[in-house]
Every structure is written in C-alpha cells, then in structure tokens.
C-alpha cells in the first residue's frame, strides 16, 4: 500500500537521535525551540528508566473507556486545549448530557492555575482541564468534565504522515471493560460535535478493526516523540488503517508507549523492530509479557496479581486471568482471585504496594528524586478448583 507523504515538522516535535532520521518515512527534523536545549535522548527519562530497570508491570493507568479525537493541528502540552468551538455560542443543548443540573465549569482562576512539574507517584496522565487559548471557549473544560463523569479517557489522535486535504476527521468511542469490548466511530465535522458523541445523540457505527495507539506527544515529553515516532512509522507501514499517533497516555519514562484497543493493553519501552510483532500477537488474542505494562481495564493491584499469576498459570490469552473477587484486608494489601481460561480453577494472589523513592526523573520535565508505586508478592500463589 502506498505510504502517506511525510507530515511536515511541528513545533512540538523534538530533535531526532543524533545522525538518525526520526522515522523510516521522514527526513531528520531540525532542532525545535520547544525541546529543552540540554535534552539528550541517551539521558532522557525513558533511557534513564531503562538503565535503572524500572518494572513495567502494573503501570498501566486506568482506562476503561476512551474517547479518541482526530486532531491534525499541533498539539499543546495539555492536548485537550487544542479543541475549539466553531461558533461563538458558548453553550449547546447537548452539553447537559441528559443531566438537568450539570456540574458548574471550573473558574478561569482554577483553569489557569499551574504548578511546577513533579514526579507522579502513580505515573498517571496529567489532568485535562487547563484553560484554552481563547478564555471564552470553554469546550476543552466541558469535554474533560463529561469524560470524567463517564470514566472515559479523552485522547487526541492523528495519522503518522500527512493526511490528504479534505479527509473527514473521525472520532472513536472505545469500551475496554472485560466482556463489553467494543469500538464505535463516526465523522467529526466540528469539535463541539463531541458533545453529541458523549451524550449518545450520535452513536456512530460499530467497527471490529482494532486500534493501535503510539504516544508521540513531544510537547508533553520529548522522549515520547523521539522513541514513539519510529514505532508509529513501523506500525503504519504494516497496518496503515489501524495505527494512530496519540497524545499523552501516561508513563513518559516508558516510551515508546503503545496501547492496543479495545482491550486497553499497554506496552512500554517498545523497540521499533518489535512494534509490529506486538500488534500481531494482539491480533491473535494473546499478550506478550516482554514490554507489557498491563491492561488499563483493570486497576493496578489486579494488573500486579495477573503478572504474578502467570508464574503459576502461563496462559497468555487476553481473556485469561480476569478477577473474580478483590479484597483489601489492611491498607496497600490486596487478596485477588483470578479465573483460569477454562474457568475450572481459581488462582489467589496476595500483593502489596509500596512507595519507592527513585533517584531519577519520572518525566523529562520533572526533577529527581521521584516516587513510584511498586507491587510485591506477599504470599505463595494458591490454585484451587473452581466451585460449583
């Protein structure tokens, strides 16, 4: 299939690796003013985490549902602030989302308040509520609030390479909850049409094609673009209709970060030459333990239990080891039972979470030290026949 023409450089894109093109389909990029002048790929947060051997397992951020928004303009650091209304009217009937008393919008003081970058304990995405460039345009905050109410993750997406002029933009609404996995899609004539999508007024159409996301959000973290764009190029060459570059998804230090939908499988530190193999494994209904961060459809303690359970039951099926029960006797200690693929046995795993101080950056913008949550196995894994 003919490859798309290279997308022209953006202010958000960092400089490439020294002497190397940023991807097989694009020429080297010039230095960008948005990249810290002292940034070096070999000392960025992702390279440092790789050298430290930071554990990947149980680091997938919560992501039961997704709202994917195609946006081909440059993405600001807070991606949702790129959204704009097409009319000056700040309110629409659909904004209420069938709620007669919607939550009030955050004040401009709240939206414009900023804090210095810090190392996040859970390495979660930043809150999508910063003020838009136009103070009168409250669409980004409205979308963020509605998505929070629906437990839905808003993410901007774009194709790797130039999008032909006149190509309609698209939206995708993804349900990643086990047993309910689905993807709906439709055209996006205006940004405020997202209100119709979130309200159900535009249900879109079901699609069975999986989606491969690659974080390339350079303005959020340089490592994501430097490591993500080559992985996006490789996936695009193999699966051009399924692959999308995306804005920040959490875990900058694990770049290149990939997410496979609808199951919300997160992979980190993915080498470019492994991206296609991971997608092929997903197409076959299996996970690949190497580079696997976990499924955002499950909370981190369950992700940790699944990781340890595979030592007792090595099944790699996407639909294996779903939680049957979760108890939390003392704080930061969980007992989790998981079902085997044939439901004939249950596996009980006890895990504990501890905050670990790391002498390193959790993102390229953060200052060390940082803190991360790490899980350990605290009791022998128990396997028993399932009850009647």
Protein backbone atom coordinates (compact mmCIF):
# COMPACT_ATOMS: atom_id res chain seq x y z
CA UNK A 1 0.00 0.00 0.00
CA UNK A 2 1.30 3.46 -0.84
CA UNK A 3 2.71 5.24 2.20
CA UNK A 4 1.42 8.72 3.09
CA UNK A 5 3.59 11.71 2.41
CA UNK A 6 5.61 12.82 5.42
CA UNK A 7 3.84 15.21 7.74
CA UNK A 8 5.74 18.50 7.97
CA UNK A 9 7.64 19.16 11.22
CA UNK A 10 5.72 20.73 14.07
CA UNK A 11 6.88 22.96 16.89
CA UNK A 12 6.02 20.07 19.22
CA UNK A 13 8.44 17.61 17.67
CA UNK A 14 11.83 17.18 19.35
CA UNK A 15 15.11 16.77 17.57
CA UNK A 16 15.85 13.25 16.31
CA UNK A 17 18.55 10.95 17.56
CA UNK A 18 21.94 12.25 16.51
CA UNK A 19 22.63 11.35 12.92
CA UNK A 20 19.41 9.36 12.53
CA UNK A 21 16.06 10.16 10.92
CA UNK A 22 13.11 10.34 13.29
CA UNK A 23 11.39 7.52 11.39
CA UNK A 24 11.85 5.46 8.21
CA UNK A 25 9.35 7.66 6.36
CA UNK A 26 10.58 11.10 7.40
CA UNK A 27 13.76 13.13 7.00
CA UNK A 28 15.65 14.31 10.07
CA UNK A 29 13.91 17.13 11.90
CA UNK A 30 15.58 20.42 12.78
CA UNK A 31 16.02 21.36 16.41
CA UNK A 32 12.82 22.68 17.97
CA UNK A 33 12.54 25.59 20.37
CA UNK A 34 10.03 23.56 22.40
CA UNK A 35 12.65 20.94 23.31
CA UNK A 36 14.90 21.79 26.28
CA UNK A 37 18.30 22.73 24.88
CA UNK A 38 20.04 20.24 27.18
CA UNK A 39 17.81 17.33 26.20
CA UNK A 40 19.68 14.25 25.04
CA UNK A 41 17.87 11.03 24.12
CA UNK A 42 20.50 8.93 25.87
CA UNK A 43 19.91 10.75 29.18
CA UNK A 44 16.16 11.42 28.89
CA UNK A 45 13.64 9.97 31.33
CA UNK A 46 12.97 6.88 29.17
CA UNK A 47 16.64 5.97 28.72
CA UNK A 48 17.27 6.52 32.42
CA UNK A 49 14.33 4.31 33.44
CA UNK A 50 15.53 1.64 31.03
CA UNK A 51 19.01 1.68 32.58
CA UNK A 52 17.57 1.54 36.11
CA UNK A 53 15.39 -1.40 35.15
CA UNK A 54 12.16 0.22 36.38
CA UNK A 55 9.49 -2.52 36.48
CA UNK A 56 6.93 -2.27 33.71
CA UNK A 57 4.23 -4.49 35.19
CA UNK A 58 1.18 -2.95 36.87
CA UNK A 59 1.92 0.53 35.50
CA UNK A 60 -0.99 0.84 33.04
CA UNK A 61 -3.15 3.84 34.06
CA UNK A 62 -6.91 3.36 34.46
CA UNK A 63 -8.62 3.33 31.07
CA UNK A 64 -11.99 1.57 30.98
CA UNK A 65 -13.30 3.78 28.18
CA UNK A 66 -11.64 6.03 25.61
CA UNK A 67 -12.70 9.00 23.51
CA UNK A 68 -10.29 9.33 20.58
CA UNK A 69 -10.42 12.69 18.83
CA UNK A 70 -8.71 13.16 15.49
CA UNK A 71 -6.89 16.48 15.50
CA UNK A 72 -4.22 17.20 12.89
CA UNK A 73 -3.09 20.61 14.15
CA UNK A 74 -0.09 20.80 16.52
CA UNK A 75 -0.94 19.54 20.00
CA UNK A 76 -0.25 21.80 23.00
CA UNK A 77 1.19 20.28 26.16
CA UNK A 78 -2.34 19.90 27.53
CA UNK A 79 -3.79 18.28 24.43
CA UNK A 80 -7.50 18.98 25.02
CA UNK A 81 -6.89 22.73 24.90
CA UNK A 82 -6.50 22.36 21.14
CA UNK A 83 -10.28 21.91 20.85
CA UNK A 84 -12.30 24.90 19.64
CA UNK A 85 -15.96 25.70 19.12
CA UNK A 86 -16.92 26.56 15.57
CA UNK A 87 -19.41 29.21 16.74
CA UNK A 88 -19.17 31.92 19.39
CA UNK A 89 -22.15 30.49 21.31
CA UNK A 90 -20.55 29.06 24.46
CA UNK A 91 -23.46 26.75 25.30
CA UNK A 92 -25.20 23.94 23.45
CA UNK A 93 -28.24 21.87 24.49
CA UNK A 94 -26.20 18.68 24.20
CA UNK A 95 -23.70 19.86 26.77
CA UNK A 96 -26.04 18.86 29.58
CA UNK A 97 -25.59 15.18 28.66
CA UNK A 98 -29.13 14.38 29.87
CA UNK A 99 -28.26 15.90 33.25
CA UNK A 100 -30.72 18.64 34.29
CA UNK A 101 -28.15 20.13 36.65
CA UNK A 102 -24.69 19.72 35.13
CA UNK A 103 -21.66 20.45 37.22
CA UNK A 104 -20.52 24.07 37.01
CA UNK A 105 -17.46 24.77 34.92
CA UNK A 106 -14.22 25.38 36.71
CA UNK A 107 -13.39 29.03 37.18
CA UNK A 108 -10.83 30.68 34.98
CA UNK A 109 -8.62 31.01 38.06
CA UNK A 110 -8.74 27.24 38.55
CA UNK A 111 -8.16 26.52 34.89
CA UNK A 112 -5.18 28.79 34.56
CA UNK A 113 -3.51 27.78 37.82
CA UNK A 114 -0.25 25.97 37.15
CA UNK A 115 2.15 24.05 39.37
CA UNK A 116 5.75 23.03 38.81
CA UNK A 117 6.16 19.59 37.22
CA UNK A 118 6.61 16.85 39.79
CA UNK A 119 7.28 13.14 39.71
CA UNK A 120 3.90 11.45 39.96
CA UNK A 121 3.54 8.63 42.45
CA UNK A 122 1.36 6.61 40.10
CA UNK A 123 2.78 7.99 36.86
CA UNK A 124 -0.74 8.89 35.73
CA UNK A 125 -1.71 11.26 32.90
CA UNK A 126 -1.99 14.93 33.69
CA UNK A 127 -5.48 16.34 34.26
CA UNK A 128 -7.06 17.60 31.05
CA UNK A 129 -8.52 20.83 32.41
CA UNK A 130 -6.10 23.62 31.54
CA UNK A 131 -7.55 26.80 30.10
CA UNK A 132 -7.90 27.07 26.32
CA UNK A 133 -6.05 29.77 24.44
CA UNK A 134 -9.33 31.62 23.99
CA UNK A 135 -10.71 32.26 27.52
CA UNK A 136 -14.28 32.46 26.19
CA UNK A 137 -14.03 28.95 24.71
CA UNK A 138 -14.87 26.52 27.50
CA UNK A 139 -15.21 23.47 25.25
CA UNK A 140 -12.00 21.76 26.48
CA UNK A 141 -13.12 22.00 30.11
CA UNK A 142 -16.62 20.82 29.22
CA UNK A 143 -15.32 17.80 27.33
CA UNK A 144 -12.96 16.97 30.20
CA UNK A 145 -15.77 17.16 32.76
CA UNK A 146 -18.13 15.00 30.73
CA UNK A 147 -15.42 12.42 30.12
CA UNK A 148 -14.61 12.33 33.83
CA UNK A 149 -18.28 11.76 34.61
CA UNK A 150 -18.39 8.88 32.12
CA UNK A 151 -15.00 7.48 33.23
CA UNK A 152 -13.80 7.99 29.69
CA UNK A 153 -10.26 8.90 28.68
CA UNK A 154 -10.04 11.73 26.07
CA UNK A 155 -7.01 11.48 23.79
CA UNK A 156 -6.09 13.31 20.59
CA UNK A 157 -5.04 11.18 17.63
CA UNK A 158 -3.59 11.72 14.15
CA UNK A 159 -2.16 9.62 11.36
CA UNK A 160 1.58 9.15 11.03
CA UNK A 161 2.36 11.22 7.96
CA UNK A 162 0.41 13.82 6.06
CA UNK A 163 -3.37 13.47 5.95
CA UNK A 164 -4.77 14.24 2.47
CA UNK A 165 -6.66 17.53 2.31
CA UNK A 166 -10.42 17.13 2.62
CA UNK A 167 -10.23 13.86 4.54
CA UNK A 168 -13.01 13.90 7.18
CA UNK A 169 -11.84 13.78 10.77
CA UNK A 170 -13.02 10.88 12.91
CA UNK A 171 -13.89 10.09 16.49
CA UNK A 172 -13.78 6.74 18.26
CA UNK A 173 -15.59 5.74 21.45
CA UNK A 174 -13.98 2.64 22.95
CA UNK A 175 -15.30 0.43 25.72
CA UNK A 176 -12.49 -1.66 27.25
CA UNK A 177 -14.40 -3.31 30.08
CA UNK A 178 -13.97 -7.10 30.04
CA UNK A 179 -16.80 -8.74 28.17
CA UNK A 180 -18.01 -5.40 26.76
CA UNK A 181 -15.10 -4.58 24.45
CA UNK A 182 -16.29 -2.51 21.51
CA UNK A 183 -15.33 0.38 19.25
CA UNK A 184 -17.74 2.90 17.75
CA UNK A 185 -16.70 5.51 15.24
CA UNK A 186 -18.05 8.37 13.15
CA UNK A 187 -17.11 11.58 11.40
CA UNK A 188 -16.20 14.68 13.38
CA UNK A 189 -17.36 17.79 11.49
CA UNK A 190 -16.63 20.14 14.43
CA UNK A 191 -15.04 19.81 17.83
CA UNK A 192 -18.31 20.54 19.63
CA UNK A 193 -19.82 17.52 17.85
CA UNK A 194 -18.04 15.55 20.57
CA UNK A 195 -20.89 16.64 22.87
CA UNK A 196 -23.29 14.71 20.66
CA UNK A 197 -20.99 11.70 20.82
CA UNK A 198 -20.74 11.78 24.61
CA UNK A 199 -24.49 12.29 25.02
CA UNK A 200 -25.31 9.35 22.73
CA UNK A 201 -27.04 11.61 20.21
CA UNK A 202 -24.51 10.36 17.64
CA UNK A 203 -23.96 6.66 18.40
CA UNK A 204 -21.70 6.18 15.40
CA UNK A 205 -21.21 2.73 13.92
CA UNK A 206 -19.58 -0.37 15.34
CA UNK A 207 -16.25 -1.47 13.91
CA UNK A 208 -14.36 -4.70 14.53
CA UNK A 209 -10.97 -3.35 13.47
CA UNK A 210 -8.56 -2.96 16.41
CA UNK A 211 -6.76 0.32 17.04
CA UNK A 212 -3.04 0.71 17.71
CA UNK A 213 -2.07 3.89 19.55
CA UNK A 214 1.50 5.16 19.80
CA UNK A 215 2.22 8.13 22.07
CA UNK A 216 4.22 10.77 20.17
CA UNK A 217 3.28 13.81 22.25
CA UNK A 218 6.54 15.74 22.01
CA UNK A 219 5.32 18.87 23.76
CA UNK A 220 4.40 16.79 26.78
CA UNK A 221 7.65 14.83 26.86
CA UNK A 222 10.48 14.74 24.33
CA UNK A 223 11.15 11.02 24.89
CA UNK A 224 7.64 10.16 23.70
CA UNK A 225 8.26 11.72 20.30
CA UNK A 226 11.86 10.58 19.89
CA UNK A 227 11.03 6.97 20.71
CA UNK A 228 7.38 6.91 19.66
CA UNK A 229 7.55 8.22 16.10
CA UNK A 230 9.77 5.43 14.74
CA UNK A 231 7.44 2.86 16.33
CA UNK A 232 4.44 4.63 14.76
CA UNK A 233 6.18 4.56 11.37
CA UNK A 234 6.81 0.82 11.63
CA UNK A 235 3.21 0.07 12.63
CA UNK A 236 1.86 2.37 9.92
CA UNK A 237 3.87 0.52 7.28
CA UNK A 238 2.24 -2.77 8.36
CA UNK A 239 -1.21 -1.56 9.46
CA UNK A 240 -1.89 1.91 7.98
CA UNK A 241 -5.62 1.90 8.72
CA UNK A 242 -5.29 0.77 12.34
CA UNK A 243 -2.37 2.89 13.54
CA UNK A 244 -2.67 6.32 15.13
CA UNK A 245 -0.24 8.61 16.86
CA UNK A 246 -1.77 9.84 20.12
CA UNK A 247 -1.33 12.45 22.81
CA UNK A 248 -0.11 11.74 26.35
CA UNK A 249 -1.32 8.44 27.82
CA UNK A 250 0.80 8.21 30.97
CA UNK A 251 4.23 6.79 31.73
CA UNK A 252 6.61 9.05 29.79
CA UNK A 253 9.60 7.17 31.22
CA UNK A 254 8.36 4.02 29.46
CA UNK A 255 8.49 5.45 25.93
CA UNK A 256 7.90 4.15 23.37
CA UNK A 257 4.40 3.56 24.73
CA UNK A 258 1.82 1.58 22.73
CA UNK A 259 -1.83 0.84 23.53
CA UNK A 260 -3.94 -1.78 21.76
CA UNK A 261 -7.69 -1.23 21.73
CA UNK A 262 -10.37 -2.21 22.55
CA UNK A 263 -8.69 -4.27 25.30
CA UNK A 264 -6.62 -1.32 26.58
CA UNK A 265 -3.34 -3.26 26.63
CA UNK A 266 -0.36 -1.03 27.45
CA UNK A 267 3.20 -1.79 26.33
CA UNK A 268 6.29 0.22 27.24
CA UNK A 269 9.94 0.58 26.22
CA UNK A 270 8.93 -0.95 22.88
CA UNK A 271 11.82 -1.12 20.39
CA UNK A 272 10.86 -0.09 16.88
CA UNK A 273 11.57 -3.55 15.50
CA UNK A 274 9.14 -5.14 17.99
CA UNK A 275 6.10 -2.93 17.43
CA UNK A 276 4.62 -4.98 14.57
CA UNK A 277 5.22 -8.29 16.39
CA UNK A 278 3.30 -6.99 19.41
CA UNK A 279 0.39 -5.98 17.18
CA UNK A 280 0.40 -9.40 15.53
CA UNK A 281 0.28 -11.06 18.94
CA UNK A 282 -2.67 -8.89 19.87
CA UNK A 283 -4.43 -9.82 16.63
CA UNK A 284 -4.04 -13.47 17.65
CA UNK A 285 -5.65 -12.81 21.03
CA UNK A 286 -2.52 -13.07 23.17
CA UNK A 287 -0.32 -10.74 25.17
CA UNK A 288 3.47 -10.58 25.04
CA UNK A 289 4.92 -10.47 28.58
CA UNK A 290 8.03 -8.62 27.44
CA UNK A 291 7.27 -4.87 27.38
CA UNK A 292 3.78 -5.49 28.87
CA UNK A 293 2.63 -2.84 31.36
CA UNK A 294 -0.85 -4.24 31.97
CA UNK A 295 -4.44 -3.64 30.95
CA UNK A 296 -5.97 -0.28 31.78
CA UNK A 297 -9.32 -2.08 32.04
CA UNK A 298 -8.13 -3.38 35.43
CA UNK A 299 -6.83 -1.43 38.45
CA UNK A 300 -3.08 -1.70 39.16
CA UNK A 301 -3.42 -4.27 42.01
CA UNK A 302 -5.22 -6.62 39.60
CA UNK A 303 -2.56 -5.98 36.96
CA UNK A 304 0.06 -6.98 39.53
CA UNK A 305 -1.86 -10.12 40.50
CA UNK A 306 -2.17 -11.11 36.85
CA UNK A 307 1.57 -10.63 36.40
CA UNK A 308 2.46 -12.90 39.32
CA UNK A 309 -0.28 -15.44 38.46
CA UNK A 310 1.36 -16.15 35.13
CA UNK A 311 4.16 -17.88 37.02
CA UNK A 312 1.54 -20.43 38.15
CA UNK A 313 -0.61 -20.42 35.02
CA UNK A 314 1.36 -19.23 32.00
CA UNK A 315 -1.71 -18.63 29.82
CA UNK A 316 -1.16 -15.57 27.64
CA UNK A 317 -4.73 -15.27 26.37
CA UNK A 318 -6.13 -11.75 26.53
CA UNK A 319 -9.27 -13.16 28.11
CA UNK A 320 -7.47 -15.18 30.81
CA UNK A 321 -6.99 -14.32 34.48
CA UNK A 322 -9.92 -11.98 34.90
CA UNK A 323 -10.62 -11.02 38.54
CA UNK A 324 -13.40 -12.86 40.36
CA UNK A 325 -13.03 -11.10 43.71
CA UNK A 326 -10.88 -8.38 45.25
CA UNK A 327 -10.43 -7.84 48.99
CA UNK A 328 -8.19 -5.39 50.78
CA UNK A 329 -7.54 -6.59 54.37
CA UNK A 330 -5.03 -3.94 55.52
CA UNK A 331 -4.17 -0.80 53.53
CA UNK A 332 -1.99 -1.34 50.47
CA UNK A 333 -2.52 -5.11 50.66
CA UNK A 334 -4.88 -6.98 48.32
CA UNK A 335 -6.06 -10.56 48.00
CA UNK A 336 -7.27 -11.16 44.45
CA UNK A 337 -8.80 -14.28 42.92
CA UNK A 338 -8.47 -14.80 39.18
CA UNK A 339 -10.17 -17.29 36.90
CA UNK A 340 -8.22 -19.58 34.57
CA UNK A 341 -9.13 -19.55 30.85
CA UNK A 342 -11.38 -22.61 31.14
CA UNK A 343 -12.89 -21.39 34.45
CA UNK A 344 -12.02 -24.76 36.01
CA UNK A 345 -9.67 -23.26 38.62
CA UNK A 346 -9.21 -20.07 40.56
CA UNK A 347 -5.86 -18.54 41.41
CA UNK A 348 -5.48 -16.47 44.58
CA UNK A 349 -2.72 -13.88 44.64
CA UNK A 350 -1.79 -11.57 47.51
CA UNK A 351 0.11 -8.41 46.62
CA UNK A 352 1.32 -5.35 48.49
CA UNK A 353 2.03 -1.86 47.14
CA UNK A 354 4.89 0.26 48.45
CA UNK A 355 6.02 3.74 47.52
CA UNK A 356 9.61 3.62 46.31
CA UNK A 357 11.86 6.66 46.06
CA UNK A 358 13.82 6.70 42.82
CA UNK A 359 16.87 8.88 42.26
CA UNK A 360 15.78 9.82 38.78
CA UNK A 361 13.28 11.66 36.63
CA UNK A 362 9.79 10.29 36.11
CA UNK A 363 9.44 12.68 33.16
CA UNK A 364 11.96 14.82 31.31
CA UNK A 365 10.42 17.94 32.91
CA UNK A 366 10.47 16.62 36.48
CA UNK A 367 13.28 16.97 38.96
CA UNK A 368 14.63 13.95 40.85
CA UNK A 369 14.03 12.22 43.12
CA UNK A 370 10.71 10.69 42.18
CA UNK A 371 8.33 8.25 43.79
CA UNK A 372 6.69 5.25 42.16
CA UNK A 373 4.36 2.56 43.39
CA UNK A 374 5.73 -0.96 43.12
CA UNK A 375 3.95 -4.24 43.85
CA UNK A 376 5.39 -7.33 45.50
CA UNK A 377 4.05 -10.83 46.04
CA UNK A 378 3.47 -11.36 49.77
CA UNK A 379 2.24 -14.98 49.95
CA UNK A 380 2.53 -18.18 47.90
CA UNK A 381 0.16 -18.29 44.96
CA UNK A 382 -2.79 -20.60 45.60
CA UNK A 383 -4.53 -22.57 42.85
CA UNK A 384 -7.78 -24.41 43.62
CA UNK A 385 -10.62 -26.00 41.66
CA UNK A 386 -13.46 -23.61 40.95
CA UNK A 387 -16.59 -24.14 42.99
CA UNK A 388 -19.86 -25.49 41.53
